[in-house]
Amino acid sequence: MNPQIPQLTPAQAADRTEAVLLDVREADEVAESRIAGSTHIPLGKLAVRTFELDRGRAIITVCRSGGRSAQAAQFLASQGYDVANLTGGMTAWIADGRPVITR
């Protein structure tokens, strides 16, 4: 049974200042733009790099549009992490006028 993963809007995610924003996009995507303070672990490396995440902090997964981050959130939830997904990913974050760091 898959746990139900909370879906957060950009405004809700921005309000969760205690949470780790986990960007699961590829390195070239992150180089284009990223959320300040986010942690980058590509989805394909998440299973072997999960140890880098603090189990005591909530995690909000982020990708370009929400698909890969939803997969990451399901995986992390299955590993016992407190996790939510940013609905619409970076596309929604930028459309909402949220700040990003660009190259």
C-alpha atoms as a PDB file:
ATOM      1  CA  MET A   1       0.000   0.000   0.000  1.00  0.00           C
ATOM      2  CA  ASN A   2       1.357   3.414  -1.006  1.00  0.00           C
ATOM      3  CA  PRO A   3       1.215   6.080   1.669  1.00  0.00           C
ATOM      4  CA  GLN A   4      -0.634   9.235   0.680  1.00  0.00           C
ATOM      5  CA  ILE A   5       1.955  11.959   0.156  1.00  0.00           C
ATOM      6  CA  PRO A   6       0.892  15.524   1.031  1.00  0.00           C
ATOM      7  CA  GLN A   7       0.978  17.852  -1.982  1.00  0.00           C
ATOM      8  CA  LEU A   8       2.072  21.411  -1.220  1.00  0.00           C
ATOM      9  CA  THR A   9       1.600  24.582  -3.240  1.00  0.00           C
ATOM     10  CA  PRO A  10       4.629  26.851  -3.664  1.00  0.00           C
ATOM     11  CA  ALA A  11       3.224  29.170  -0.956  1.00  0.00           C
ATOM     12  CA  GLN A  12       2.772  26.266   1.476  1.00  0.00           C
ATOM     13  CA  ALA A  13       6.273  24.946   0.729  1.00  0.00           C
ATOM     14  CA  ALA A  14       7.808  28.400   1.218  1.00  0.00           C
ATOM     15  CA  ASP A  15       6.093  28.642   4.619  1.00  0.00           C
ATOM     16  CA  ARG A  16       7.649  25.357   5.766  1.00  0.00           C
ATOM     17  CA  THR A  17      10.986  26.954   6.668  1.00  0.00           C
ATOM     18  CA  GLU A  18      11.854  24.038   8.985  1.00  0.00           C
ATOM     19  CA  ALA A  19      11.727  21.548   6.101  1.00  0.00           C
ATOM     20  CA  VAL A  20      14.530  20.470   3.792  1.00  0.00           C
ATOM     21  CA  LEU A  21      13.785  21.297   0.154  1.00  0.00           C
ATOM     22  CA  LEU A  22      15.172  18.295  -1.718  1.00  0.00           C
ATOM     23  CA  ASP A  23      15.745  18.958  -5.420  1.00  0.00           C
ATOM     24  CA  VAL A  24      15.819  15.637  -7.299  1.00  0.00           C
ATOM     25  CA  ARG A  25      16.445  17.065 -10.778  1.00  0.00           C
ATOM     26  CA  GLU A  26      19.582  16.384 -12.808  1.00  0.00           C
ATOM     27  CA  ALA A  27      22.678  18.562 -12.293  1.00  0.00           C
ATOM     28  CA  ASP A  28      22.195  20.504 -15.542  1.00  0.00           C
ATOM     29  CA  GLU A  29      18.645  21.449 -14.524  1.00  0.00           C
ATOM     30  CA  VAL A  30      19.790  22.607 -11.077  1.00  0.00           C
ATOM     31  CA  ALA A  31      22.562  24.667 -12.720  1.00  0.00           C
ATOM     32  CA  GLU A  32      19.873  26.615 -14.631  1.00  0.00           C
ATOM     33  CA  SER A  33      17.852  27.568 -11.548  1.00  0.00           C
ATOM     34  CA  ARG A  34      17.331  26.361  -8.027  1.00  0.00           C
ATOM     35  CA  ILE A  35      15.635  27.333  -4.786  1.00  0.00           C
ATOM     36  CA  ALA A  36      18.066  28.981  -2.362  1.00  0.00           C
ATOM     37  CA  GLY A  37      19.087  26.623   0.406  1.00  0.00           C
ATOM     38  CA  SER A  38      17.784  23.512  -1.333  1.00  0.00           C
ATOM     39  CA  THR A  39      19.633  20.201  -1.143  1.00  0.00           C
ATOM     40  CA  HIS A  40      20.401  18.509  -4.469  1.00  0.00           C
ATOM     41  CA  ILE A  41      20.328  14.727  -4.807  1.00  0.00           C
ATOM     42  CA  PRO A  42      19.299  13.504  -8.302  1.00  0.00           C
ATOM     43  CA  LEU A  43      16.454  10.985  -8.262  1.00  0.00           C
ATOM     44  CA  GLY A  44      18.695   8.299  -9.749  1.00  0.00           C
ATOM     45  CA  LYS A  45      21.137   8.604  -6.830  1.00  0.00           C
ATOM     46  CA  LEU A  46      18.596   9.019  -4.028  1.00  0.00           C
ATOM     47  CA  ALA A  47      18.583   5.378  -2.897  1.00  0.00           C
ATOM     48  CA  VAL A  48      22.358   5.404  -2.291  1.00  0.00           C
ATOM     49  CA  ARG A  49      22.484   8.931  -0.836  1.00  0.00           C
ATOM     50  CA  THR A  50      19.486   8.812   1.518  1.00  0.00           C
ATOM     51  CA  PHE A  51      21.918   8.714   4.457  1.00  0.00           C
ATOM     52  CA  GLU A  52      22.705  12.399   3.718  1.00  0.00           C
ATOM     53  CA  LEU A  53      19.184  13.424   4.796  1.00  0.00           C
ATOM     54  CA  ASP A  54      18.272  14.303   8.381  1.00  0.00           C
ATOM     55  CA  ARG A  55      15.502  11.968   9.593  1.00  0.00           C
ATOM     56  CA  GLY A  56      14.537  14.582  12.176  1.00  0.00           C
ATOM     57  CA  ARG A  57      13.464  17.151   9.576  1.00  0.00           C
ATOM     58  CA  ALA A  58      10.521  17.143   7.195  1.00  0.00           C
ATOM     59  CA  ILE A  59      11.455  16.922   3.514  1.00  0.00           C
ATOM     60  CA  ILE A  60       9.734  18.606   0.577  1.00  0.00           C
ATOM     61  CA  THR A  61      10.674  17.020  -2.739  1.00  0.00           C
ATOM     62  CA  VAL A  62      11.093  19.225  -5.822  1.00  0.00           C
ATOM     63  CA  CYS A  63      11.659  18.553  -9.531  1.00  0.00           C
ATOM     64  CA  ARG A  64      10.732  20.361 -12.761  1.00  0.00           C
ATOM     65  CA  SER A  65       7.005  19.595 -12.826  1.00  0.00           C
ATOM     66  CA  GLY A  66       6.257  17.268  -9.904  1.00  0.00           C
ATOM     67  CA  GLY A  67       6.614  13.783 -11.415  1.00  0.00           C
ATOM     68  CA  ARG A  68      10.117  12.783 -10.343  1.00  0.00           C
ATOM     69  CA  SER A  69       9.651  14.464  -6.978  1.00  0.00           C
ATOM     70  CA  ALA A  70       6.471  12.430  -6.429  1.00  0.00           C
ATOM     71  CA  GLN A  71       8.524   9.259  -7.034  1.00  0.00           C
ATOM     72  CA  ALA A  72      11.197  10.508  -4.627  1.00  0.00           C
ATOM     73  CA  ALA A  73       8.539  11.314  -2.014  1.00  0.00           C
ATOM     74  CA  GLN A  74       7.051   7.818  -2.266  1.00  0.00           C
ATOM     75  CA  PHE A  75      10.499   6.277  -1.853  1.00  0.00           C
ATOM     76  CA  LEU A  76      11.376   8.465   1.132  1.00  0.00           C
ATOM     77  CA  ALA A  77       8.011   7.799   2.779  1.00  0.00           C
ATOM     78  CA  SER A  78       8.662   4.060   2.411  1.00  0.00           C
ATOM     79  CA  GLN A  79      11.963   4.629   4.238  1.00  0.00           C
ATOM     80  CA  GLY A  80      10.193   6.343   7.142  1.00  0.00           C
ATOM     81  CA  TYR A  81      10.814   9.992   6.272  1.00  0.00           C
ATOM     82  CA  ASP A  82       8.268  12.763   6.899  1.00  0.00           C
ATOM     83  CA  VAL A  83       7.843  13.938   3.315  1.00  0.00           C
ATOM     84  CA  ALA A  84       5.671  16.127   1.097  1.00  0.00           C
ATOM     85  CA  ASN A  85       5.827  16.928  -2.622  1.00  0.00           C
ATOM     86  CA  LEU A  86       5.884  20.373  -4.251  1.00  0.00           C
ATOM     87  CA  THR A  87       2.932  20.236  -6.660  1.00  0.00           C
ATOM     88  CA  GLY A  88       3.975  21.478 -10.090  1.00  0.00           C
ATOM     89  CA  GLY A  89       7.654  21.563  -9.131  1.00  0.00           C
ATOM     90  CA  MET A  90       9.962  24.379 -10.178  1.00  0.00           C
ATOM     91  CA  THR A  91       7.548  25.328 -12.956  1.00  0.00           C
ATOM     92  CA  ALA A  92       4.883  26.189 -10.365  1.00  0.00           C
ATOM     93  CA  TRP A  93       7.434  27.764  -7.987  1.00  0.00           C
ATOM     94  CA  ILE A  94       8.625  30.184 -10.689  1.00  0.00           C
ATOM     95  CA  ALA A  95       5.093  30.846 -11.992  1.00  0.00           C
ATOM     96  CA  ASP A  96       4.116  31.785  -8.434  1.00  0.00           C
ATOM     97  CA  GLY A  97       6.855  34.428  -8.406  1.00  0.00           C
ATOM     98  CA  ARG A  98       8.993  32.627  -5.819  1.00  0.00           C
ATOM     99  CA  PRO A  99      12.708  33.478  -5.770  1.00  0.00           C
ATOM    100  CA  VAL A 100      15.284  31.280  -7.469  1.00  0.00           C
ATOM    101  CA  ILE A 101      19.028  31.357  -7.916  1.00  0.00           C
ATOM    102  CA  THR A 102      20.070  31.315 -11.578  1.00  0.00           C
ATOM    103  CA  ARG A 103      23.471  30.955 -13.106  1.00  0.00           C
END
